[in-house]
């Protein structure tokens, strides 16, 4: 694929992320919107891999965990990303099932630690600011999930690294 076309594709995808997820100011809303976005990306990935996906993604279809497990069965998602997605799912569950729940520092740190050394970089960039840390962790996770979907949809992309928004 032409690198310029690839760059335009990334910019278009990140514009969608910014519009739909990245502009959320409330941490709870960020968790909920990013969960929806990641689920959308898992479905995009699965649509490229399955010969027939009719009925799998409607209300009576696969759960979020089932979708993630199915993606894992293809062997193209690393354990670190899968763990991060599961932690996001846990955050989402707390946000929707516990009235007035806001992600705690411990939950945010547990989620962030799934990114290895990037966790320390983000924590040092936003010391004592759990909301910005959460936003950075979410952006990183969404970038990695987007990478997975894009490489399934466009197998000839030049590399496998799209973890940050273009600056």
Foldseek 3Di string as FASTA:
>chain_A
DPVVVVVVVLQVVVVVCCVQALVDPAQLSNLQRLLVLLLVLLVLLVVLVDPDCPPQPDPPHDDSVRSLVVVVVVVPDDPLLSVLSVLSVVSNCCSVVPPPDGDDLVSLLVSLCSVPPVSVVLCVVPPPNSSSSSSLSSQQSSQLSNLSSVCSVPVPDDDSDRRHRDD
